[in-house]
Amino acid sequence: ENKNFTLAETIDLRNKYIGKSCEL
């Protein structure tokens, strides 16, 4: 799906799919 996620949605998706050790 192609959409513009909100900041909160992007953070949630990152927490779900990206390794926690990947630094921000």
PDBML (XML) file of the C-alpha atoms, coordinates in Angstrom:
<?xml version="1.0" encoding="UTF-8" ?>
<PDBx:datablock datablockName="MODEL"
   xmlns:PDBx="http://pdbml.pdb.org/schema/pdbx-v50.xsd"
   xmlns:xsi="http://www.w3.org/2001/XMLSchema-instance"
   xsi:schemaLocation="http://pdbml.pdb.org/schema/pdbx-v50.xsd pdbx-v50.xsd">
   <PDBx:atom_siteCategory>
      <PDBx:atom_site id="1">
         <PDBx:B_iso_or_equiv>0.00</PDBx:B_iso_or_equiv>
         <PDBx:Cartn_x>0.000</PDBx:Cartn_x>
         <PDBx:Cartn_y>0.000</PDBx:Cartn_y>
         <PDBx:Cartn_z>0.000</PDBx:Cartn_z>
         <PDBx:auth_asym_id>A</PDBx:auth_asym_id>
         <PDBx:auth_atom_id>CA</PDBx:auth_atom_id>
         <PDBx:auth_comp_id>GLU</PDBx:auth_comp_id>
         <PDBx:auth_seq_id>1</PDBx:auth_seq_id>
         <PDBx:group_PDB>ATOM</PDBx:group_PDB>
         <PDBx:label_alt_id xsi:nil="true" />
         <PDBx:label_asym_id>A</PDBx:label_asym_id>
         <PDBx:label_atom_id>CA</PDBx:label_atom_id>
         <PDBx:label_comp_id>GLU</PDBx:label_comp_id>
         <PDBx:label_entity_id>1</PDBx:label_entity_id>
         <PDBx:label_seq_id>1</PDBx:label_seq_id>
         <PDBx:occupancy>1.00</PDBx:occupancy>
         <PDBx:pdbx_PDB_model_num>1</PDBx:pdbx_PDB_model_num>
         <PDBx:type_symbol>C</PDBx:type_symbol>
      </PDBx:atom_site>
      <PDBx:atom_site id="2">
         <PDBx:B_iso_or_equiv>0.00</PDBx:B_iso_or_equiv>
         <PDBx:Cartn_x>1.294</PDBx:Cartn_x>
         <PDBx:Cartn_y>3.424</PDBx:Cartn_y>
         <PDBx:Cartn_z>-0.974</PDBx:Cartn_z>
         <PDBx:auth_asym_id>A</PDBx:auth_asym_id>
         <PDBx:auth_atom_id>CA</PDBx:auth_atom_id>
         <PDBx:auth_comp_id>ASN</PDBx:auth_comp_id>
         <PDBx:auth_seq_id>2</PDBx:auth_seq_id>
         <PDBx:group_PDB>ATOM</PDBx:group_PDB>
         <PDBx:label_alt_id xsi:nil="true" />
         <PDBx:label_asym_id>A</PDBx:label_asym_id>
         <PDBx:label_atom_id>CA</PDBx:label_atom_id>
         <PDBx:label_comp_id>ASN</PDBx:label_comp_id>
         <PDBx:label_entity_id>1</PDBx:label_entity_id>
         <PDBx:label_seq_id>2</PDBx:label_seq_id>
         <PDBx:occupancy>1.00</PDBx:occupancy>
         <PDBx:pdbx_PDB_model_num>1</PDBx:pdbx_PDB_model_num>
         <PDBx:type_symbol>C</PDBx:type_symbol>
      </PDBx:atom_site>
      <PDBx:atom_site id="3">
         <PDBx:B_iso_or_equiv>0.00</PDBx:B_iso_or_equiv>
         <PDBx:Cartn_x>0.368</PDBx:Cartn_x>
         <PDBx:Cartn_y>6.094</PDBx:Cartn_y>
         <PDBx:Cartn_z>1.560</PDBx:Cartn_z>
         <PDBx:auth_asym_id>A</PDBx:auth_asym_id>
         <PDBx:auth_atom_id>CA</PDBx:auth_atom_id>
         <PDBx:auth_comp_id>LYS</PDBx:auth_comp_id>
         <PDBx:auth_seq_id>3</PDBx:auth_seq_id>
         <PDBx:group_PDB>ATOM</PDBx:group_PDB>
         <PDBx:label_alt_id xsi:nil="true" />
         <PDBx:label_asym_id>A</PDBx:label_asym_id>
         <PDBx:label_atom_id>CA</PDBx:label_atom_id>
         <PDBx:label_comp_id>LYS</PDBx:label_comp_id>
         <PDBx:label_entity_id>1</PDBx:label_entity_id>
         <PDBx:label_seq_id>3</PDBx:label_seq_id>
         <PDBx:occupancy>1.00</PDBx:occupancy>
         <PDBx:pdbx_PDB_model_num>1</PDBx:pdbx_PDB_model_num>
         <PDBx:type_symbol>C</PDBx:type_symbol>
      </PDBx:atom_site>
      <PDBx:atom_site id="4">
         <PDBx:B_iso_or_equiv>0.00</PDBx:B_iso_or_equiv>
         <PDBx:Cartn_x>1.881</PDBx:Cartn_x>
         <PDBx:Cartn_y>8.838</PDBx:Cartn_y>
         <PDBx:Cartn_z>3.623</PDBx:Cartn_z>
         <PDBx:auth_asym_id>A</PDBx:auth_asym_id>
         <PDBx:auth_atom_id>CA</PDBx:auth_atom_id>
         <PDBx:auth_comp_id>ASN</PDBx:auth_comp_id>
         <PDBx:auth_seq_id>4</PDBx:auth_seq_id>
         <PDBx:group_PDB>ATOM</PDBx:group_PDB>
         <PDBx:label_alt_id xsi:nil="true" />
         <PDBx:label_asym_id>A</PDBx:label_asym_id>
         <PDBx:label_atom_id>CA</PDBx:label_atom_id>
         <PDBx:label_comp_id>ASN</PDBx:label_comp_id>
         <PDBx:label_entity_id>1</PDBx:label_entity_id>
         <PDBx:label_seq_id>4</PDBx:label_seq_id>
         <PDBx:occupancy>1.00</PDBx:occupancy>
         <PDBx:pdbx_PDB_model_num>1</PDBx:pdbx_PDB_model_num>
         <PDBx:type_symbol>C</PDBx:type_symbol>
      </PDBx:atom_site>
      <PDBx:atom_site id="5">
         <PDBx:B_iso_or_equiv>0.00</PDBx:B_iso_or_equiv>
         <PDBx:Cartn_x>2.075</PDBx:Cartn_x>
         <PDBx:Cartn_y>7.585</PDBx:Cartn_y>
         <PDBx:Cartn_z>7.183</PDBx:Cartn_z>
         <PDBx:auth_asym_id>A</PDBx:auth_asym_id>
         <PDBx:auth_atom_id>CA</PDBx:auth_atom_id>
         <PDBx:auth_comp_id>PHE</PDBx:auth_comp_id>
         <PDBx:auth_seq_id>5</PDBx:auth_seq_id>
         <PDBx:group_PDB>ATOM</PDBx:group_PDB>
         <PDBx:label_alt_id xsi:nil="true" />
         <PDBx:label_asym_id>A</PDBx:label_asym_id>
         <PDBx:label_atom_id>CA</PDBx:label_atom_id>
         <PDBx:label_comp_id>PHE</PDBx:label_comp_id>
         <PDBx:label_entity_id>1</PDBx:label_entity_id>
         <PDBx:label_seq_id>5</PDBx:label_seq_id>
         <PDBx:occupancy>1.00</PDBx:occupancy>
         <PDBx:pdbx_PDB_model_num>1</PDBx:pdbx_PDB_model_num>
         <PDBx:type_symbol>C</PDBx:type_symbol>
      </PDBx:atom_site>
      <PDBx:atom_site id="6">
         <PDBx:B_iso_or_equiv>0.00</PDBx:B_iso_or_equiv>
         <PDBx:Cartn_x>1.861</PDBx:Cartn_x>
         <PDBx:Cartn_y>9.923</PDBx:Cartn_y>
         <PDBx:Cartn_z>10.132</PDBx:Cartn_z>
         <PDBx:auth_asym_id>A</PDBx:auth_asym_id>
         <PDBx:auth_atom_id>CA</PDBx:auth_atom_id>
         <PDBx:auth_comp_id>THR</PDBx:auth_comp_id>
         <PDBx:auth_seq_id>6</PDBx:auth_seq_id>
         <PDBx:group_PDB>ATOM</PDBx:group_PDB>
         <PDBx:label_alt_id xsi:nil="true" />
         <PDBx:label_asym_id>A</PDBx:label_asym_id>
         <PDBx:label_atom_id>CA</PDBx:label_atom_id>
         <PDBx:label_comp_id>THR</PDBx:label_comp_id>
         <PDBx:label_entity_id>1</PDBx:label_entity_id>
         <PDBx:label_seq_id>6</PDBx:label_seq_id>
         <PDBx:occupancy>1.00</PDBx:occupancy>
         <PDBx:pdbx_PDB_model_num>1</PDBx:pdbx_PDB_model_num>
         <PDBx:type_symbol>C</PDBx:type_symbol>
      </PDBx:atom_site>
      <PDBx:atom_site id="7">
         <PDBx:B_iso_or_equiv>0.00</PDBx:B_iso_or_equiv>
         <PDBx:Cartn_x>4.964</PDBx:Cartn_x>
         <PDBx:Cartn_y>10.308</PDBx:Cartn_y>
         <PDBx:Cartn_z>12.283</PDBx:Cartn_z>
         <PDBx:auth_asym_id>A</PDBx:auth_asym_id>
         <PDBx:auth_atom_id>CA</PDBx:auth_atom_id>
         <PDBx:auth_comp_id>LEU</PDBx:auth_comp_id>
         <PDBx:auth_seq_id>7</PDBx:auth_seq_id>
         <PDBx:group_PDB>ATOM</PDBx:group_PDB>
         <PDBx:label_alt_id xsi:nil="true" />
         <PDBx:label_asym_id>A</PDBx:label_asym_id>
         <PDBx:label_atom_id>CA</PDBx:label_atom_id>
         <PDBx:label_comp_id>LEU</PDBx:label_comp_id>
         <PDBx:label_entity_id>1</PDBx:label_entity_id>
         <PDBx:label_seq_id>7</PDBx:label_seq_id>
         <PDBx:occupancy>1.00</PDBx:occupancy>
         <PDBx:pdbx_PDB_model_num>1</PDBx:pdbx_PDB_model_num>
         <PDBx:type_symbol>C</PDBx:type_symbol>
      </PDBx:atom_site>
      <PDBx:atom_site id="8">
         <PDBx:B_iso_or_equiv>0.00</PDBx:B_iso_or_equiv>
         <PDBx:Cartn_x>3.430</PDBx:Cartn_x>
         <PDBx:Cartn_y>8.034</PDBx:Cartn_y>
         <PDBx:Cartn_z>14.923</PDBx:Cartn_z>
         <PDBx:auth_asym_id>A</PDBx:auth_asym_id>
         <PDBx:auth_atom_id>CA</PDBx:auth_atom_id>
         <PDBx:auth_comp_id>ALA</PDBx:auth_comp_id>
         <PDBx:auth_seq_id>8</PDBx:auth_seq_id>
         <PDBx:group_PDB>ATOM</PDBx:group_PDB>
         <PDBx:label_alt_id xsi:nil="true" />
         <PDBx:label_asym_id>A</PDBx:label_asym_id>
         <PDBx:label_atom_id>CA</PDBx:label_atom_id>
         <PDBx:label_comp_id>ALA</PDBx:label_comp_id>
         <PDBx:label_entity_id>1</PDBx:label_entity_id>
         <PDBx:label_seq_id>8</PDBx:label_seq_id>
         <PDBx:occupancy>1.00</PDBx:occupancy>
         <PDBx:pdbx_PDB_model_num>1</PDBx:pdbx_PDB_model_num>
         <PDBx:type_symbol>C</PDBx:type_symbol>
      </PDBx:atom_site>
      <PDBx:atom_site id="9">
         <PDBx:B_iso_or_equiv>0.00</PDBx:B_iso_or_equiv>
         <PDBx:Cartn_x>2.522</PDBx:Cartn_x>
         <PDBx:Cartn_y>5.409</PDBx:Cartn_y>
         <PDBx:Cartn_z>12.324</PDBx:Cartn_z>
         <PDBx:auth_asym_id>A</PDBx:auth_asym_id>
         <PDBx:auth_atom_id>CA</PDBx:auth_atom_id>
         <PDBx:auth_comp_id>GLU</PDBx:auth_comp_id>
         <PDBx:auth_seq_id>9</PDBx:auth_seq_id>
         <PDBx:group_PDB>ATOM</PDBx:group_PDB>
         <PDBx:label_alt_id xsi:nil="true" />
         <PDBx:label_asym_id>A</PDBx:label_asym_id>
         <PDBx:label_atom_id>CA</PDBx:label_atom_id>
         <PDBx:label_comp_id>GLU</PDBx:label_comp_id>
         <PDBx:label_entity_id>1</PDBx:label_entity_id>
         <PDBx:label_seq_id>9</PDBx:label_seq_id>
         <PDBx:occupancy>1.00</PDBx:occupancy>
         <PDBx:pdbx_PDB_model_num>1</PDBx:pdbx_PDB_model_num>
         <PDBx:type_symbol>C</PDBx:type_symbol>
      </PDBx:atom_site>
      <PDBx:atom_site id="10">
         <PDBx:B_iso_or_equiv>0.00</PDBx:B_iso_or_equiv>
         <PDBx:Cartn_x>6.040</PDBx:Cartn_x>
         <PDBx:Cartn_y>5.414</PDBx:Cartn_y>
         <PDBx:Cartn_z>10.888</PDBx:Cartn_z>
         <PDBx:auth_asym_id>A</PDBx:auth_asym_id>
         <PDBx:auth_atom_id>CA</PDBx:auth_atom_id>
         <PDBx:auth_comp_id>THR</PDBx:auth_comp_id>
         <PDBx:auth_seq_id>10</PDBx:auth_seq_id>
         <PDBx:group_PDB>ATOM</PDBx:group_PDB>
         <PDBx:label_alt_id xsi:nil="true" />
         <PDBx:label_asym_id>A</PDBx:label_asym_id>
         <PDBx:label_atom_id>CA</PDBx:label_atom_id>
         <PDBx:label_comp_id>THR</PDBx:label_comp_id>
         <PDBx:label_entity_id>1</PDBx:label_entity_id>
         <PDBx:label_seq_id>10</PDBx:label_seq_id>
         <PDBx:occupancy>1.00</PDBx:occupancy>
         <PDBx:pdbx_PDB_model_num>1</PDBx:pdbx_PDB_model_num>
         <PDBx:type_symbol>C</PDBx:type_symbol>
      </PDBx:atom_site>
      <PDBx:atom_site id="11">
         <PDBx:B_iso_or_equiv>0.00</PDBx:B_iso_or_equiv>
         <PDBx:Cartn_x>7.512</PDBx:Cartn_x>
         <PDBx:Cartn_y>4.986</PDBx:Cartn_y>
         <PDBx:Cartn_z>14.385</PDBx:Cartn_z>
         <PDBx:auth_asym_id>A</PDBx:auth_asym_id>
         <PDBx:auth_atom_id>CA</PDBx:auth_atom_id>
         <PDBx:auth_comp_id>ILE</PDBx:auth_comp_id>
         <PDBx:auth_seq_id>11</PDBx:auth_seq_id>
         <PDBx:group_PDB>ATOM</PDBx:group_PDB>
         <PDBx:label_alt_id xsi:nil="true" />
         <PDBx:label_asym_id>A</PDBx:label_asym_id>
         <PDBx:label_atom_id>CA</PDBx:label_atom_id>
         <PDBx:label_comp_id>ILE</PDBx:label_comp_id>
         <PDBx:label_entity_id>1</PDBx:label_entity_id>
         <PDBx:label_seq_id>11</PDBx:label_seq_id>
         <PDBx:occupancy>1.00</PDBx:occupancy>
         <PDBx:pdbx_PDB_model_num>1</PDBx:pdbx_PDB_model_num>
         <PDBx:type_symbol>C</PDBx:type_symbol>
      </PDBx:atom_site>
      <PDBx:atom_site id="12">
         <PDBx:B_iso_or_equiv>0.00</PDBx:B_iso_or_equiv>
         <PDBx:Cartn_x>5.126</PDBx:Cartn_x>
         <PDBx:Cartn_y>2.104</PDBx:Cartn_y>
         <PDBx:Cartn_z>15.114</PDBx:Cartn_z>
         <PDBx:auth_asym_id>A</PDBx:auth_asym_id>
         <PDBx:auth_atom_id>CA</PDBx:auth_atom_id>
         <PDBx:auth_comp_id>ASP</PDBx:auth_comp_id>
         <PDBx:auth_seq_id>12</PDBx:auth_seq_id>
         <PDBx:group_PDB>ATOM</PDBx:group_PDB>
         <PDBx:label_alt_id xsi:nil="true" />
         <PDBx:label_asym_id>A</PDBx:label_asym_id>
         <PDBx:label_atom_id>CA</PDBx:label_atom_id>
         <PDBx:label_comp_id>ASP</PDBx:label_comp_id>
         <PDBx:label_entity_id>1</PDBx:label_entity_id>
         <PDBx:label_seq_id>12</PDBx:label_seq_id>
         <PDBx:occupancy>1.00</PDBx:occupancy>
         <PDBx:pdbx_PDB_model_num>1</PDBx:pdbx_PDB_model_num>
         <PDBx:type_symbol>C</PDBx:type_symbol>
      </PDBx:atom_site>
      <PDBx:atom_site id="13">
         <PDBx:B_iso_or_equiv>0.00</PDBx:B_iso_or_equiv>
         <PDBx:Cartn_x>6.001</PDBx:Cartn_x>
         <PDBx:Cartn_y>0.381</PDBx:Cartn_y>
         <PDBx:Cartn_z>11.838</PDBx:Cartn_z>
         <PDBx:auth_asym_id>A</PDBx:auth_asym_id>
         <PDBx:auth_atom_id>CA</PDBx:auth_atom_id>
         <PDBx:auth_comp_id>LEU</PDBx:auth_comp_id>
         <PDBx:auth_seq_id>13</PDBx:auth_seq_id>
         <PDBx:group_PDB>ATOM</PDBx:group_PDB>
         <PDBx:label_alt_id xsi:nil="true" />
         <PDBx:label_asym_id>A</PDBx:label_asym_id>
         <PDBx:label_atom_id>CA</PDBx:label_atom_id>
         <PDBx:label_comp_id>LEU</PDBx:label_comp_id>
         <PDBx:label_entity_id>1</PDBx:label_entity_id>
         <PDBx:label_seq_id>13</PDBx:label_seq_id>
         <PDBx:occupancy>1.00</PDBx:occupancy>
         <PDBx:pdbx_PDB_model_num>1</PDBx:pdbx_PDB_model_num>
         <PDBx:type_symbol>C</PDBx:type_symbol>
      </PDBx:atom_site>
      <PDBx:atom_site id="14">
         <PDBx:B_iso_or_equiv>0.00</PDBx:B_iso_or_equiv>
         <PDBx:Cartn_x>9.713</PDBx:Cartn_x>
         <PDBx:Cartn_y>0.865</PDBx:Cartn_y>
         <PDBx:Cartn_z>12.441</PDBx:Cartn_z>
         <PDBx:auth_asym_id>A</PDBx:auth_asym_id>
         <PDBx:auth_atom_id>CA</PDBx:auth_atom_id>
         <PDBx:auth_comp_id>ARG</PDBx:auth_comp_id>
         <PDBx:auth_seq_id>14</PDBx:auth_seq_id>
         <PDBx:group_PDB>ATOM</PDBx:group_PDB>
         <PDBx:label_alt_id xsi:nil="true" />
         <PDBx:label_asym_id>A</PDBx:label_asym_id>
         <PDBx:label_atom_id>CA</PDBx:label_atom_id>
         <PDBx:label_comp_id>ARG</PDBx:label_comp_id>
         <PDBx:label_entity_id>1</PDBx:label_entity_id>
         <PDBx:label_seq_id>14</PDBx:label_seq_id>
         <PDBx:occupancy>1.00</PDBx:occupancy>
         <PDBx:pdbx_PDB_model_num>1</PDBx:pdbx_PDB_model_num>
         <PDBx:type_symbol>C</PDBx:type_symbol>
      </PDBx:atom_site>
      <PDBx:atom_site id="15">
         <PDBx:B_iso_or_equiv>0.00</PDBx:B_iso_or_equiv>
         <PDBx:Cartn_x>9.397</PDBx:Cartn_x>
         <PDBx:Cartn_y>-0.629</PDBx:Cartn_y>
         <PDBx:Cartn_z>15.921</PDBx:Cartn_z>
         <PDBx:auth_asym_id>A</PDBx:auth_asym_id>
         <PDBx:auth_atom_id>CA</PDBx:auth_atom_id>
         <PDBx:auth_comp_id>ASN</PDBx:auth_comp_id>
         <PDBx:auth_seq_id>15</PDBx:auth_seq_id>
         <PDBx:group_PDB>ATOM</PDBx:group_PDB>
         <PDBx:label_alt_id xsi:nil="true" />
         <PDBx:label_asym_id>A</PDBx:label_asym_id>
         <PDBx:label_atom_id>CA</PDBx:label_atom_id>
         <PDBx:label_comp_id>ASN</PDBx:label_comp_id>
         <PDBx:label_entity_id>1</PDBx:label_entity_id>
         <PDBx:label_seq_id>15</PDBx:label_seq_id>
         <PDBx:occupancy>1.00</PDBx:occupancy>
         <PDBx:pdbx_PDB_model_num>1</PDBx:pdbx_PDB_model_num>
         <PDBx:type_symbol>C</PDBx:type_symbol>
      </PDBx:atom_site>
      <PDBx:atom_site id="16">
         <PDBx:B_iso_or_equiv>0.00</PDBx:B_iso_or_equiv>
         <PDBx:Cartn_x>7.520</PDBx:Cartn_x>
         <PDBx:Cartn_y>-3.580</PDBx:Cartn_y>
         <PDBx:Cartn_z>14.442</PDBx:Cartn_z>
         <PDBx:auth_asym_id>A</PDBx:auth_asym_id>
         <PDBx:auth_atom_id>CA</PDBx:auth_atom_id>
         <PDBx:auth_comp_id>LYS</PDBx:auth_comp_id>
         <PDBx:auth_seq_id>16</PDBx:auth_seq_id>
         <PDBx:group_PDB>ATOM</PDBx:group_PDB>
         <PDBx:label_alt_id xsi:nil="true" />
         <PDBx:label_asym_id>A</PDBx:label_asym_id>
         <PDBx:label_atom_id>CA</PDBx:label_atom_id>
         <PDBx:label_comp_id>LYS</PDBx:label_comp_id>
         <PDBx:label_entity_id>1</PDBx:label_entity_id>
         <PDBx:label_seq_id>16</PDBx:label_seq_id>
         <PDBx:occupancy>1.00</PDBx:occupancy>
         <PDBx:pdbx_PDB_model_num>1</PDBx:pdbx_PDB_model_num>
         <PDBx:type_symbol>C</PDBx:type_symbol>
      </PDBx:atom_site>
      <PDBx:atom_site id="17">
         <PDBx:B_iso_or_equiv>0.00</PDBx:B_iso_or_equiv>
         <PDBx:Cartn_x>9.693</PDBx:Cartn_x>
         <PDBx:Cartn_y>-4.395</PDBx:Cartn_y>
         <PDBx:Cartn_z>11.427</PDBx:Cartn_z>
         <PDBx:auth_asym_id>A</PDBx:auth_asym_id>
         <PDBx:auth_atom_id>CA</PDBx:auth_atom_id>
         <PDBx:auth_comp_id>TYR</PDBx:auth_comp_id>
         <PDBx:auth_seq_id>17</PDBx:auth_seq_id>
         <PDBx:group_PDB>ATOM</PDBx:group_PDB>
         <PDBx:label_alt_id xsi:nil="true" />
         <PDBx:label_asym_id>A</PDBx:label_asym_id>
         <PDBx:label_atom_id>CA</PDBx:label_atom_id>
         <PDBx:label_comp_id>TYR</PDBx:label_comp_id>
         <PDBx:label_entity_id>1</PDBx:label_entity_id>
         <PDBx:label_seq_id>17</PDBx:label_seq_id>
         <PDBx:occupancy>1.00</PDBx:occupancy>
         <PDBx:pdbx_PDB_model_num>1</PDBx:pdbx_PDB_model_num>
         <PDBx:type_symbol>C</PDBx:type_symbol>
      </PDBx:atom_site>
      <PDBx:atom_site id="18">
         <PDBx:B_iso_or_equiv>0.00</PDBx:B_iso_or_equiv>
         <PDBx:Cartn_x>13.147</PDBx:Cartn_x>
         <PDBx:Cartn_y>-2.889</PDBx:Cartn_y>
         <PDBx:Cartn_z>12.002</PDBx:Cartn_z>
         <PDBx:auth_asym_id>A</PDBx:auth_asym_id>
         <PDBx:auth_atom_id>CA</PDBx:auth_atom_id>
         <PDBx:auth_comp_id>ILE</PDBx:auth_comp_id>
         <PDBx:auth_seq_id>18</PDBx:auth_seq_id>
         <PDBx:group_PDB>ATOM</PDBx:group_PDB>
         <PDBx:label_alt_id xsi:nil="true" />
         <PDBx:label_asym_id>A</PDBx:label_asym_id>
         <PDBx:label_atom_id>CA</PDBx:label_atom_id>
         <PDBx:label_comp_id>ILE</PDBx:label_comp_id>
         <PDBx:label_entity_id>1</PDBx:label_entity_id>
         <PDBx:label_seq_id>18</PDBx:label_seq_id>
         <PDBx:occupancy>1.00</PDBx:occupancy>
         <PDBx:pdbx_PDB_model_num>1</PDBx:pdbx_PDB_model_num>
         <PDBx:type_symbol>C</PDBx:type_symbol>
      </PDBx:atom_site>
      <PDBx:atom_site id="19">
         <PDBx:B_iso_or_equiv>0.00</PDBx:B_iso_or_equiv>
         <PDBx:Cartn_x>15.764</PDBx:Cartn_x>
         <PDBx:Cartn_y>-4.257</PDBx:Cartn_y>
         <PDBx:Cartn_z>14.387</PDBx:Cartn_z>
         <PDBx:auth_asym_id>A</PDBx:auth_asym_id>
         <PDBx:auth_atom_id>CA</PDBx:auth_atom_id>
         <PDBx:auth_comp_id>GLY</PDBx:auth_comp_id>
         <PDBx:auth_seq_id>19</PDBx:auth_seq_id>
         <PDBx:group_PDB>ATOM</PDBx:group_PDB>
         <PDBx:label_alt_id xsi:nil="true" />
         <PDBx:label_asym_id>A</PDBx:label_asym_id>
         <PDBx:label_atom_id>CA</PDBx:label_atom_id>
         <PDBx:label_comp_id>GLY</PDBx:label_comp_id>
         <PDBx:label_entity_id>1</PDBx:label_entity_id>
         <PDBx:label_seq_id>19</PDBx:label_seq_id>
         <PDBx:occupancy>1.00</PDBx:occupancy>
         <PDBx:pdbx_PDB_model_num>1</PDBx:pdbx_PDB_model_num>
         <PDBx:type_symbol>C</PDBx:type_symbol>
      </PDBx:atom_site>
      <PDBx:atom_site id="20">
         <PDBx:B_iso_or_equiv>0.00</PDBx:B_iso_or_equiv>
         <PDBx:Cartn_x>15.795</PDBx:Cartn_x>
         <PDBx:Cartn_y>-2.401</PDBx:Cartn_y>
         <PDBx:Cartn_z>17.689</PDBx:Cartn_z>
         <PDBx:auth_asym_id>A</PDBx:auth_asym_id>
         <PDBx:auth_atom_id>CA</PDBx:auth_atom_id>
         <PDBx:auth_comp_id>LYS</PDBx:auth_comp_id>
         <PDBx:auth_seq_id>20</PDBx:auth_seq_id>
         <PDBx:group_PDB>ATOM</PDBx:group_PDB>
         <PDBx:label_alt_id xsi:nil="true" />
         <PDBx:label_asym_id>A</PDBx:label_asym_id>
         <PDBx:label_atom_id>CA</PDBx:label_atom_id>
         <PDBx:label_comp_id>LYS</PDBx:label_comp_id>
         <PDBx:label_entity_id>1</PDBx:label_entity_id>
         <PDBx:label_seq_id>20</PDBx:label_seq_id>
         <PDBx:occupancy>1.00</PDBx:occupancy>
         <PDBx:pdbx_PDB_model_num>1</PDBx:pdbx_PDB_model_num>
         <PDBx:type_symbol>C</PDBx:type_symbol>
      </PDBx:atom_site>
      <PDBx:atom_site id="21">
         <PDBx:B_iso_or_equiv>0.00</PDBx:B_iso_or_equiv>
         <PDBx:Cartn_x>19.562</PDBx:Cartn_x>
         <PDBx:Cartn_y>-1.977</PDBx:Cartn_y>
         <PDBx:Cartn_z>17.523</PDBx:Cartn_z>
         <PDBx:auth_asym_id>A</PDBx:auth_asym_id>
         <PDBx:auth_atom_id>CA</PDBx:auth_atom_id>
         <PDBx:auth_comp_id>SER</PDBx:auth_comp_id>
         <PDBx:auth_seq_id>21</PDBx:auth_seq_id>
         <PDBx:group_PDB>ATOM</PDBx:group_PDB>
         <PDBx:label_alt_id xsi:nil="true" />
         <PDBx:label_asym_id>A</PDBx:label_asym_id>
         <PDBx:label_atom_id>CA</PDBx:label_atom_id>
         <PDBx:label_comp_id>SER</PDBx:label_comp_id>
         <PDBx:label_entity_id>1</PDBx:label_entity_id>
         <PDBx:label_seq_id>21</PDBx:label_seq_id>
         <PDBx:occupancy>1.00</PDBx:occupancy>
         <PDBx:pdbx_PDB_model_num>1</PDBx:pdbx_PDB_model_num>
         <PDBx:type_symbol>C</PDBx:type_symbol>
      </PDBx:atom_site>
      <PDBx:atom_site id="22">
         <PDBx:B_iso_or_equiv>0.00</PDBx:B_iso_or_equiv>
         <PDBx:Cartn_x>19.252</PDBx:Cartn_x>
         <PDBx:Cartn_y>0.166</PDBx:Cartn_y>
         <PDBx:Cartn_z>14.358</PDBx:Cartn_z>
         <PDBx:auth_asym_id>A</PDBx:auth_asym_id>
         <PDBx:auth_atom_id>CA</PDBx:auth_atom_id>
         <PDBx:auth_comp_id>CYS</PDBx:auth_comp_id>
         <PDBx:auth_seq_id>22</PDBx:auth_seq_id>
         <PDBx:group_PDB>ATOM</PDBx:group_PDB>
         <PDBx:label_alt_id xsi:nil="true" />
         <PDBx:label_asym_id>A</PDBx:label_asym_id>
         <PDBx:label_atom_id>CA</PDBx:label_atom_id>
         <PDBx:label_comp_id>CYS</PDBx:label_comp_id>
         <PDBx:label_entity_id>1</PDBx:label_entity_id>
         <PDBx:label_seq_id>22</PDBx:label_seq_id>
         <PDBx:occupancy>1.00</PDBx:occupancy>
         <PDBx:pdbx_PDB_model_num>1</PDBx:pdbx_PDB_model_num>
         <PDBx:type_symbol>C</PDBx:type_symbol>
      </PDBx:atom_site>
      <PDBx:atom_site id="23">
         <PDBx:B_iso_or_equiv>0.00</PDBx:B_iso_or_equiv>
         <PDBx:Cartn_x>20.019</PDBx:Cartn_x>
         <PDBx:Cartn_y>3.615</PDBx:Cartn_y>
         <PDBx:Cartn_z>15.724</PDBx:Cartn_z>
         <PDBx:auth_asym_id>A</PDBx:auth_asym_id>
         <PDBx:auth_atom_id>CA</PDBx:auth_atom_id>
         <PDBx:auth_comp_id>GLU</PDBx:auth_comp_id>
         <PDBx:auth_seq_id>23</PDBx:auth_seq_id>
         <PDBx:group_PDB>ATOM</PDBx:group_PDB>
         <PDBx:label_alt_id xsi:nil="true" />
         <PDBx:label_asym_id>A</PDBx:label_asym_id>
         <PDBx:label_atom_id>CA</PDBx:label_atom_id>
         <PDBx:label_comp_id>GLU</PDBx:label_comp_id>
         <PDBx:label_entity_id>1</PDBx:label_entity_id>
         <PDBx:label_seq_id>23</PDBx:label_seq_id>
         <PDBx:occupancy>1.00</PDBx:occupancy>
         <PDBx:pdbx_PDB_model_num>1</PDBx:pdbx_PDB_model_num>
         <PDBx:type_symbol>C</PDBx:type_symbol>
      </PDBx:atom_site>
      <PDBx:atom_site id="24">
         <PDBx:B_iso_or_equiv>0.00</PDBx:B_iso_or_equiv>
         <PDBx:Cartn_x>18.034</PDBx:Cartn_x>
         <PDBx:Cartn_y>6.808</PDBx:Cartn_y>
         <PDBx:Cartn_z>15.173</PDBx:Cartn_z>
         <PDBx:auth_asym_id>A</PDBx:auth_asym_id>
         <PDBx:auth_atom_id>CA</PDBx:auth_atom_id>
         <PDBx:auth_comp_id>LEU</PDBx:auth_comp_id>
         <PDBx:auth_seq_id>24</PDBx:auth_seq_id>
         <PDBx:group_PDB>ATOM</PDBx:group_PDB>
         <PDBx:label_alt_id xsi:nil="true" />
         <PDBx:label_asym_id>A</PDBx:label_asym_id>
         <PDBx:label_atom_id>CA</PDBx:label_atom_id>
         <PDBx:label_comp_id>LEU</PDBx:label_comp_id>
         <PDBx:label_entity_id>1</PDBx:label_entity_id>
         <PDBx:label_seq_id>24</PDBx:label_seq_id>
         <PDBx:occupancy>1.00</PDBx:occupancy>
         <PDBx:pdbx_PDB_model_num>1</PDBx:pdbx_PDB_model_num>
         <PDBx:type_symbol>C</PDBx:type_symbol>
      </PDBx:atom_site>
   </PDBx:atom_siteCategory>
</PDBx:datablock>
